Protein backbone atom coordinates (compact mmCIF):
# COMPACT_ATOMS: atom_id res chain seq x y z
CA MET A 1 -39.50 37.27 15.72
CA ASN A 2 -37.35 40.24 16.68
CA ILE A 3 -34.43 41.70 14.69
CA VAL A 4 -31.73 39.80 16.62
CA GLU A 5 -33.34 36.44 15.91
CA THR A 6 -33.79 37.38 12.25
CA ILE A 7 -30.11 38.32 11.90
CA LEU A 8 -29.04 35.11 13.62
CA VAL A 9 -31.16 33.01 11.28
CA PHE A 10 -30.35 34.75 8.00
CA VAL A 11 -26.73 35.76 8.68
CA GLY A 12 -25.41 33.61 11.52
CA ILE A 13 -26.41 30.21 10.17
CA PRO A 14 -24.99 30.75 6.64
CA LEU A 15 -21.74 32.14 8.13
CA ALA A 16 -21.47 29.08 10.35
CA ILE A 17 -21.98 26.77 7.34
CA TYR A 18 -19.33 28.64 5.33
CA GLY A 19 -16.96 28.48 8.29
CA VAL A 20 -17.38 24.72 8.67
CA CYS A 21 -16.78 24.22 4.94
CA ALA A 22 -13.69 26.44 5.02
CA LEU A 23 -12.23 24.54 7.96
CA ALA A 24 -12.95 21.21 6.26
CA THR A 25 -11.09 22.25 3.10
CA LEU A 26 -8.14 23.80 4.93
CA ARG A 27 -7.75 20.88 7.33
CA SER A 28 -5.68 18.81 4.89
CA LYS A 29 -3.29 21.71 4.19
CA LEU A 30 -2.71 22.43 7.86
CA ALA A 31 -2.27 18.84 9.05
CA GLY A 32 -0.62 17.28 5.99
CA SER A 33 2.98 16.26 5.52
CA PRO A 34 5.31 18.67 3.73
CA ARG A 35 5.10 18.48 -0.06
CA TYR A 36 7.97 18.18 -2.50
CA ARG A 37 8.88 21.49 -4.10
CA PRO A 38 11.11 21.88 -7.17
CA GLY A 39 14.71 22.41 -6.17
CA GLN A 40 14.50 20.31 -3.02
CA PRO A 41 16.58 17.13 -2.89
CA TRP A 42 14.67 13.96 -3.78
CA GLU A 43 15.06 11.52 -0.89
CA TYR A 44 13.24 8.52 -2.33
CA PRO A 45 14.49 5.62 -4.51
CA PRO A 46 13.66 5.74 -8.23
CA MET A 47 10.56 3.83 -9.32
CA TRP A 48 9.51 2.65 -12.76
CA TRP A 49 5.85 3.13 -13.53
CA SER A 50 3.73 1.39 -16.12
CA ALA A 51 0.01 1.62 -16.63
CA HIS A 52 -0.16 -2.14 -17.10
CA PRO A 53 2.18 -4.28 -14.97
CA ASP A 54 2.57 -6.93 -17.70
CA GLY A 55 3.92 -4.27 -20.06
CA VAL A 56 7.15 -4.02 -18.06
CA ALA A 57 7.90 -7.75 -18.22
CA GLN A 58 7.49 -8.11 -22.00
CA PRO A 59 10.80 -8.23 -23.90
CA ALA A 60 11.28 -5.99 -26.92
CA ALA A 61 10.47 -7.58 -30.27
CA ALA A 62 13.64 -8.41 -32.23
CA GLU A 63 11.99 -8.43 -35.67
CA GLY A 64 10.71 -4.87 -35.39
CA PRO A 65 7.41 -3.29 -34.54
CA SER A 66 4.29 -5.10 -35.60
CA PRO A 67 1.33 -3.19 -37.05
CA SER A 68 -1.27 -2.37 -34.44
CA LYS A 69 -4.65 -4.03 -34.66
CA ASP A 70 -6.20 -1.47 -32.32
CA ARG A 71 -8.75 0.78 -33.91
CA GLY A 72 -10.30 4.05 -32.86
CA GLY A 73 -8.66 7.17 -31.58
CA ALA A 74 -8.88 10.78 -32.61
CA ARG A 75 -9.64 10.07 -36.27
CA GLY A 76 -12.59 7.86 -35.46
CA ASN A 77 -11.40 4.75 -37.34
CA TRP A 78 -13.65 2.25 -35.68
């Protein structure tokens, strides 16, 4: 193997792999739709979000909050 083939194998192939990876990661930035930036006007209708859809439909309790039966958390009360 001469020096040109050695350079192509040990330098050219890794550079080609890095180039393909770089193009794959930059592809979404170059072809994507424009993102919202702070200060720009918001052109979409407001939307309520809830982690559980049934949580939105439940009416508030009139007699006050009930004690939670859920256990666990940061204190480790299992």
